[in-house]
Amino acid sequence: MAGRTRLDKWLWSARLFKTRALATVSVNGGKVHVDGSRSKPSHPVRVGELLSITRGTEQLEIVVRALSDKRGPARQAQALYEETAQSRARRSAQAELRRSRALANPAPAKRPDKKSRRQIIRFTQGRPE
């Protein structure tokens, strides 16, 4: 554990991003907000801060519970933060919506043949036959 930890390093050690470089790019791109405002990758993380993280279509709101600058096992990483109840509810609702959309639009039984692919391309690109 450390007394002061950079935001990008903490995000990496908490296993919220696969690499520290990805964490840095996300912070610089405005995908990570600390207590409601944008910050820099070098921002020192403090216990109790609220982080809003956007990864793809997923939005997380977490509260920092502990500091670390070393990437350890998943159990240790999960102890570094706590997800808010609102964030958990929102993510479960989005997951349920994705599941229902997947059921409503099942995958085809087989891949389209060459003629079908050409028809699909014409249809999606708006080209007449």
N, C-alpha and C. Protein backbone atom coordinates (compact mmCIF):
# COMPACT_ATOMS: atom_id res chain seq x y z
N MET A 1 0.84 -1.19 0.00
CA MET A 1 0.00 0.00 0.00
C MET A 1 0.88 1.25 0.00
N ALA A 2 0.33 2.33 -0.47
CA ALA A 2 1.11 3.55 -0.59
C ALA A 2 0.33 4.71 0.00
N GLY A 3 1.06 5.78 0.39
CA GLY A 3 0.42 6.96 0.93
C GLY A 3 -0.22 7.81 -0.16
N ARG A 4 0.45 7.88 -1.29
CA ARG A 4 -0.08 8.64 -2.44
C ARG A 4 0.02 7.73 -3.66
N THR A 5 -1.07 7.65 -4.40
CA THR A 5 -1.09 6.81 -5.60
C THR A 5 -1.69 7.60 -6.75
N ARG A 6 -1.05 7.54 -7.90
CA ARG A 6 -1.57 8.19 -9.10
C ARG A 6 -2.88 7.52 -9.51
N LEU A 7 -3.77 8.31 -10.12
CA LEU A 7 -5.07 7.78 -10.55
C LEU A 7 -4.91 6.66 -11.56
N ASP A 8 -4.07 6.84 -12.57
CA ASP A 8 -3.92 5.80 -13.59
C ASP A 8 -3.34 4.52 -13.00
N LYS A 9 -2.42 4.65 -12.08
CA LYS A 9 -1.81 3.48 -11.44
C LYS A 9 -2.84 2.77 -10.55
N TRP A 10 -3.65 3.54 -9.85
CA TRP A 10 -4.67 2.94 -8.98
C TRP A 10 -5.72 2.19 -9.81
N LEU A 11 -6.16 2.78 -10.93
CA LEU A 11 -7.14 2.12 -11.79
C LEU A 11 -6.59 0.80 -12.32
N TRP A 12 -5.31 0.79 -12.65
CA TRP A 12 -4.67 -0.43 -13.13
C TRP A 12 -4.56 -1.46 -12.00
N SER A 13 -4.15 -1.02 -10.82
CA SER A 13 -3.98 -1.96 -9.71
C SER A 13 -5.32 -2.49 -9.20
N ALA A 14 -6.39 -1.72 -9.40
CA ALA A 14 -7.73 -2.17 -9.00
C ALA A 14 -8.36 -3.06 -10.07
N ARG A 15 -7.61 -3.31 -11.14
CA ARG A 15 -8.03 -4.18 -12.23
C ARG A 15 -9.27 -3.65 -12.97
N LEU A 16 -9.42 -2.34 -13.01
CA LEU A 16 -10.51 -1.73 -13.77
C LEU A 16 -10.09 -1.54 -15.22
N PHE A 17 -8.78 -1.55 -15.48
CA PHE A 17 -8.23 -1.50 -16.83
C PHE A 17 -7.12 -2.53 -16.92
N LYS A 18 -6.97 -3.12 -18.10
CA LYS A 18 -6.02 -4.20 -18.29
C LYS A 18 -4.57 -3.72 -18.21
N THR A 19 -4.32 -2.54 -18.73
CA THR A 19 -2.96 -1.99 -18.68
C THR A 19 -3.01 -0.57 -18.13
N ARG A 20 -1.88 -0.12 -17.64
CA ARG A 20 -1.80 1.25 -17.14
C ARG A 20 -1.94 2.25 -18.28
N ALA A 21 -1.44 1.88 -19.46
CA ALA A 21 -1.56 2.76 -20.62
C ALA A 21 -3.02 2.96 -20.99
N LEU A 22 -3.84 1.91 -20.94
CA LEU A 22 -5.27 2.05 -21.21
C LEU A 22 -5.95 2.96 -20.18
N ALA A 23 -5.53 2.82 -18.93
CA ALA A 23 -6.07 3.68 -17.88
C ALA A 23 -5.72 5.14 -18.14
N THR A 24 -4.49 5.39 -18.56
CA THR A 24 -4.04 6.76 -18.85
C THR A 24 -4.83 7.35 -20.01
N VAL A 25 -5.01 6.56 -21.06
CA VAL A 25 -5.77 7.04 -22.23
C VAL A 25 -7.21 7.35 -21.83
N SER A 26 -7.81 6.52 -20.99
CA SER A 26 -9.19 6.76 -20.56
C SER A 26 -9.31 8.02 -19.72
N VAL A 27 -8.37 8.23 -18.82
CA VAL A 27 -8.40 9.44 -17.99
C VAL A 27 -8.22 10.67 -18.85
N ASN A 28 -7.26 10.64 -19.76
CA ASN A 28 -7.02 11.78 -20.66
C ASN A 28 -8.20 12.02 -21.58
N GLY A 29 -8.92 10.97 -21.95
CA GLY A 29 -10.06 11.09 -22.85
C GLY A 29 -11.35 11.50 -22.16
N GLY A 30 -11.31 11.74 -20.87
CA GLY A 30 -12.50 12.19 -20.15
C GLY A 30 -13.45 11.06 -19.76
N LYS A 31 -12.96 9.83 -19.77
CA LYS A 31 -13.81 8.69 -19.41
C LYS A 31 -13.81 8.42 -17.92
N VAL A 32 -12.93 9.08 -17.18
CA VAL A 32 -12.85 8.91 -15.73
C VAL A 32 -13.01 10.27 -15.08
N HIS A 33 -13.97 10.38 -14.17
CA HIS A 33 -14.22 11.62 -13.44
C HIS A 33 -14.04 11.37 -11.95
N VAL A 34 -13.39 12.29 -11.28
CA VAL A 34 -13.17 12.20 -9.85
C VAL A 34 -14.07 13.22 -9.17
N ASP A 35 -14.99 12.75 -8.35
CA ASP A 35 -15.95 13.62 -7.67
C ASP A 35 -16.66 14.56 -8.63
N GLY A 36 -17.00 14.07 -9.81
CA GLY A 36 -17.79 14.83 -10.77
C GLY A 36 -17.01 15.70 -11.73
N SER A 37 -15.69 15.75 -11.62
CA SER A 37 -14.92 16.60 -12.53
C SER A 37 -13.79 15.79 -13.16
N ARG A 38 -13.39 16.23 -14.37
CA ARG A 38 -12.29 15.56 -15.06
C ARG A 38 -11.00 15.76 -14.28
N SER A 39 -10.10 14.82 -14.46
CA SER A 39 -8.82 14.95 -13.78
C SER A 39 -7.72 14.42 -14.69
N LYS A 40 -6.50 14.52 -14.20
CA LYS A 40 -5.33 14.06 -14.95
C LYS A 40 -4.92 12.68 -14.42
N PRO A 41 -4.15 11.95 -15.23
CA PRO A 41 -3.68 10.64 -14.76
C PRO A 41 -2.81 10.73 -13.50
N SER A 42 -2.17 11.88 -13.28
CA SER A 42 -1.29 12.04 -12.12
C SER A 42 -2.04 12.47 -10.86
N HIS A 43 -3.36 12.61 -10.93
CA HIS A 43 -4.15 13.02 -9.77
C HIS A 43 -3.94 12.03 -8.63
N PRO A 44 -3.59 12.52 -7.43
CA PRO A 44 -3.42 11.59 -6.31
C PRO A 44 -4.79 11.13 -5.80
N VAL A 45 -4.98 9.83 -5.77
CA VAL A 45 -6.25 9.25 -5.34
C VAL A 45 -6.31 9.28 -3.81
N ARG A 46 -7.48 9.60 -3.27
CA ARG A 46 -7.69 9.63 -1.82
C ARG A 46 -8.82 8.67 -1.46
N VAL A 47 -8.73 8.09 -0.30
CA VAL A 47 -9.78 7.20 0.18
C VAL A 47 -11.06 8.01 0.36
N GLY A 48 -12.17 7.46 -0.13
CA GLY A 48 -13.46 8.14 0.00
C GLY A 48 -13.89 8.89 -1.25
N GLU A 49 -13.00 9.04 -2.23
CA GLU A 49 -13.35 9.75 -3.46
C GLU A 49 -14.30 8.91 -4.31
N LEU A 50 -15.20 9.59 -5.00
CA LEU A 50 -16.14 8.93 -5.90
C LEU A 50 -15.60 9.02 -7.32
N LEU A 51 -15.42 7.87 -7.96
CA LEU A 51 -14.93 7.82 -9.33
C LEU A 51 -16.05 7.37 -10.25
N SER A 52 -16.25 8.09 -11.35
CA SER A 52 -17.20 7.71 -12.38
C SER A 52 -16.39 7.26 -13.59
N ILE A 53 -16.55 6.00 -13.96
CA ILE A 53 -15.73 5.41 -15.02
C ILE A 53 -16.64 4.92 -16.14
N THR A 54 -16.31 5.28 -17.37
CA THR A 54 -17.05 4.81 -18.54
C THR A 54 -16.13 3.90 -19.33
N ARG A 55 -16.56 2.64 -19.49
CA ARG A 55 -15.82 1.67 -20.29
C ARG A 55 -16.78 1.13 -21.34
N GLY A 56 -16.63 1.60 -22.57
CA GLY A 56 -17.55 1.20 -23.63
C GLY A 56 -18.94 1.72 -23.32
N THR A 57 -19.92 0.82 -23.22
CA THR A 57 -21.28 1.22 -22.88
C THR A 57 -21.54 1.12 -21.39
N GLU A 58 -20.58 0.62 -20.66
CA GLU A 58 -20.73 0.39 -19.22
C GLU A 58 -20.29 1.60 -18.42
N GLN A 59 -21.11 2.01 -17.44
CA GLN A 59 -20.75 3.12 -16.57
C GLN A 59 -20.70 2.61 -15.14
N LEU A 60 -19.57 2.89 -14.48
CA LEU A 60 -19.37 2.48 -13.10
C LEU A 60 -19.24 3.70 -12.21
N GLU A 61 -19.79 3.62 -11.03
CA GLU A 61 -19.56 4.63 -10.00
C GLU A 61 -19.01 3.88 -8.81
N ILE A 62 -17.78 4.19 -8.44
CA ILE A 62 -17.15 3.47 -7.34
C ILE A 62 -16.60 4.45 -6.32
N VAL A 63 -16.50 3.97 -5.09
CA VAL A 63 -15.91 4.74 -4.00
C VAL A 63 -14.59 4.07 -3.64
N VAL A 64 -13.53 4.86 -3.55
CA VAL A 64 -12.21 4.34 -3.22
C VAL A 64 -12.20 3.96 -1.74
N ARG A 65 -11.83 2.70 -1.45
CA ARG A 65 -11.78 2.20 -0.07
C ARG A 65 -10.35 2.03 0.44
N ALA A 66 -9.41 1.77 -0.46
CA ALA A 66 -8.01 1.60 -0.07
C ALA A 66 -7.12 1.99 -1.24
N LEU A 67 -5.85 2.21 -0.94
CA LEU A 67 -4.89 2.62 -1.97
C LEU A 67 -3.89 1.50 -2.22
N SER A 68 -3.47 1.40 -3.47
CA SER A 68 -2.43 0.46 -3.85
C SER A 68 -1.83 0.91 -5.17
N ASP A 69 -0.53 0.70 -5.32
CA ASP A 69 0.10 1.00 -6.59
C ASP A 69 0.70 -0.26 -7.21
N LYS A 70 0.41 -1.40 -6.62
CA LYS A 70 0.86 -2.69 -7.15
C LYS A 70 -0.36 -3.51 -7.56
N ARG A 71 -0.25 -4.17 -8.70
CA ARG A 71 -1.35 -5.01 -9.19
C ARG A 71 -1.24 -6.38 -8.54
N GLY A 72 -2.25 -6.74 -7.78
CA GLY A 72 -2.23 -8.02 -7.08
C GLY A 72 -3.36 -8.92 -7.54
N PRO A 73 -3.67 -9.92 -6.74
CA PRO A 73 -4.76 -10.83 -7.08
C PRO A 73 -6.11 -10.11 -7.12
N ALA A 74 -7.07 -10.74 -7.78
CA ALA A 74 -8.39 -10.12 -7.94
C ALA A 74 -9.05 -9.85 -6.60
N ARG A 75 -8.86 -10.71 -5.63
CA ARG A 75 -9.44 -10.49 -4.30
C ARG A 75 -8.95 -9.18 -3.68
N GLN A 76 -7.66 -8.94 -3.78
CA GLN A 76 -7.10 -7.69 -3.26
C GLN A 76 -7.62 -6.49 -4.04
N ALA A 77 -7.74 -6.65 -5.34
CA ALA A 77 -8.20 -5.54 -6.19
C ALA A 77 -9.64 -5.18 -5.85
N GLN A 78 -10.48 -6.17 -5.58
CA GLN A 78 -11.88 -5.90 -5.24
C GLN A 78 -12.00 -5.19 -3.89
N ALA A 79 -11.02 -5.36 -3.03
CA ALA A 79 -11.05 -4.70 -1.72
C ALA A 79 -10.67 -3.23 -1.81
N LEU A 80 -10.14 -2.80 -2.95
CA LEU A 80 -9.71 -1.42 -3.10
C LEU A 80 -10.87 -0.45 -3.33
N TYR A 81 -12.01 -0.96 -3.78
CA TYR A 81 -13.14 -0.08 -4.09
C TYR A 81 -14.46 -0.77 -3.77
N GLU A 82 -15.51 0.06 -3.76
CA GLU A 82 -16.87 -0.44 -3.56
C GLU A 82 -17.78 0.26 -4.57
N GLU A 83 -18.53 -0.53 -5.30
CA GLU A 83 -19.44 0.04 -6.29
C GLU A 83 -20.70 0.53 -5.59
N THR A 84 -21.22 1.68 -6.01
CA THR A 84 -22.43 2.22 -5.38
C THR A 84 -23.65 1.38 -5.77
N ALA A 85 -24.68 1.46 -4.95
CA ALA A 85 -25.90 0.69 -5.20
C ALA A 85 -26.58 1.13 -6.50
N GLN A 86 -26.58 2.43 -6.76
CA GLN A 86 -27.19 2.94 -8.00
C GLN A 86 -26.46 2.39 -9.22
N SER A 87 -25.14 2.34 -9.16
CA SER A 87 -24.35 1.85 -10.28
C SER A 87 -24.63 0.37 -10.51
N ARG A 88 -24.70 -0.42 -9.43
CA ARG A 88 -25.01 -1.85 -9.57
C ARG A 88 -26.37 -2.06 -10.19
N ALA A 89 -27.36 -1.28 -9.74
CA ALA A 89 -28.72 -1.41 -10.28
C ALA A 89 -28.76 -1.03 -11.76
N ARG A 90 -28.07 0.04 -12.12
CA ARG A 90 -28.05 0.49 -13.51
C ARG A 90 -27.38 -0.56 -14.41
N ARG A 91 -26.26 -1.12 -13.95
CA ARG A 91 -25.57 -2.13 -14.74
C ARG A 91 -26.39 -3.40 -14.89
N SER A 92 -27.10 -3.81 -13.84
CA SER A 92 -27.93 -5.01 -13.96
C SER A 92 -29.13 -4.76 -14.89
N ALA A 93 -29.68 -3.55 -14.87
CA ALA A 93 -30.78 -3.22 -15.78
C ALA A 93 -30.29 -3.24 -17.23
N GLN A 94 -29.09 -2.70 -17.47
CA GLN A 94 -28.52 -2.72 -18.82
C GLN A 94 -28.24 -4.15 -19.29
N ALA A 95 -27.76 -4.99 -18.37
CA ALA A 95 -27.49 -6.38 -18.73
C ALA A 95 -28.78 -7.11 -19.08
N GLU A 96 -29.83 -6.84 -18.33
CA GLU A 96 -31.13 -7.46 -18.62
C GLU A 96 -31.66 -6.99 -19.97
N LEU A 97 -31.49 -5.72 -20.27
CA LEU A 97 -31.92 -5.18 -21.56
C LEU A 97 -31.15 -5.83 -22.71
N ARG A 98 -29.83 -6.01 -22.53
CA ARG A 98 -29.03 -6.68 -23.56
C ARG A 98 -29.49 -8.12 -23.76
N ARG A 99 -29.79 -8.82 -22.66
CA ARG A 99 -30.26 -10.21 -22.77
C ARG A 99 -31.59 -10.28 -23.50
N SER A 100 -32.50 -9.37 -23.19
CA SER A 100 -33.81 -9.40 -23.84
C SER A 100 -33.69 -9.06 -25.33
N ARG A 101 -32.80 -8.14 -25.67
CA ARG A 101 -32.59 -7.81 -27.09
C ARG A 101 -31.96 -8.97 -27.84
N ALA A 102 -31.08 -9.70 -27.17
CA ALA A 102 -30.45 -10.86 -27.81
C ALA A 102 -31.48 -11.95 -28.06
N LEU A 103 -32.42 -12.13 -27.15
CA LEU A 103 -33.47 -13.13 -27.35
C LEU A 103 -34.43 -12.73 -28.46
N ALA A 104 -34.66 -11.43 -28.59
CA ALA A 104 -35.58 -10.95 -29.62
C ALA A 104 -34.97 -11.02 -31.02
N ASN A 105 -33.66 -11.06 -31.10
CA ASN A 105 -32.97 -11.09 -32.39
C ASN A 105 -31.98 -12.26 -32.39
N PRO A 106 -32.47 -13.49 -32.54
CA PRO A 106 -31.57 -14.64 -32.46
C PRO A 106 -30.61 -14.71 -33.65
N ALA A 107 -29.53 -15.40 -33.44
CA ALA A 107 -28.53 -15.58 -34.50
C ALA A 107 -29.09 -16.53 -35.56
N PRO A 108 -28.74 -16.33 -36.82
CA PRO A 108 -29.23 -17.22 -37.87
C PRO A 108 -28.68 -18.64 -37.67
N ALA A 109 -29.40 -19.62 -38.23
CA ALA A 109 -29.00 -21.02 -38.07
C ALA A 109 -27.69 -21.31 -38.79
N LYS A 110 -27.43 -20.62 -39.91
CA LYS A 110 -26.20 -20.83 -40.65
C LYS A 110 -25.73 -19.51 -41.23
N ARG A 111 -24.48 -19.50 -41.70
CA ARG A 111 -23.93 -18.30 -42.33
C ARG A 111 -24.59 -18.10 -43.68
N PRO A 112 -24.75 -16.84 -44.09
CA PRO A 112 -25.34 -16.60 -45.41
C PRO A 112 -24.38 -17.04 -46.53
N ASP A 113 -24.97 -17.55 -47.61
CA ASP A 113 -24.13 -17.93 -48.75
C ASP A 113 -23.76 -16.68 -49.54
N LYS A 114 -23.04 -16.87 -50.61
CA LYS A 114 -22.51 -15.74 -51.37
C LYS A 114 -23.63 -14.85 -51.92
N LYS A 115 -24.66 -15.45 -52.45
CA LYS A 115 -25.78 -14.68 -53.01
C LYS A 115 -26.49 -13.88 -51.91
N SER A 116 -26.72 -14.53 -50.78
CA SER A 116 -27.38 -13.85 -49.66
C SER A 116 -26.54 -12.70 -49.13
N ARG A 117 -25.21 -12.91 -49.04
CA ARG A 117 -24.33 -11.83 -48.58
C ARG A 117 -24.41 -10.62 -49.50
N ARG A 118 -24.44 -10.88 -50.79
CA ARG A 118 -24.55 -9.76 -51.74
C ARG A 118 -25.86 -9.03 -51.57
N GLN A 119 -26.93 -9.75 -51.33
CA GLN A 119 -28.24 -9.12 -51.11
C GLN A 119 -28.23 -8.29 -49.83
N ILE A 120 -27.60 -8.82 -48.80
CA ILE A 120 -27.51 -8.09 -47.54
C ILE A 120 -26.72 -6.80 -47.72
N ILE A 121 -25.61 -6.89 -48.44
CA ILE A 121 -24.78 -5.71 -48.68
C ILE A 121 -25.56 -4.67 -49.48
N ARG A 122 -26.27 -5.11 -50.51
CA ARG A 122 -27.08 -4.17 -51.30
C ARG A 122 -28.15 -3.51 -50.44
N PHE A 123 -28.77 -4.29 -49.58
CA PHE A 123 -29.84 -3.76 -48.73
C PHE A 123 -29.29 -2.75 -47.72
N THR A 124 -28.19 -3.10 -47.06
CA THR A 124 -27.67 -2.22 -46.01
C THR A 124 -27.00 -0.96 -46.57
N GLN A 125 -26.42 -1.05 -47.77
CA GLN A 125 -25.77 0.11 -48.35
C GLN A 125 -26.68 0.91 -49.26
N GLY A 126 -27.89 0.43 -49.44
CA GLY A 126 -28.87 1.19 -50.21
C GLY A 126 -28.66 1.17 -51.71
N ARG A 127 -27.95 0.17 -52.20
CA ARG A 127 -27.71 0.09 -53.64
C ARG A 127 -28.86 -0.69 -54.32
N PRO A 128 -29.33 -0.21 -55.44
CA PRO A 128 -30.36 -0.96 -56.17
C PRO A 128 -29.75 -2.21 -56.82
N GLU A 129 -30.58 -3.19 -57.09
CA GLU A 129 -30.09 -4.44 -57.69
C GLU A 129 -29.76 -4.30 -59.11
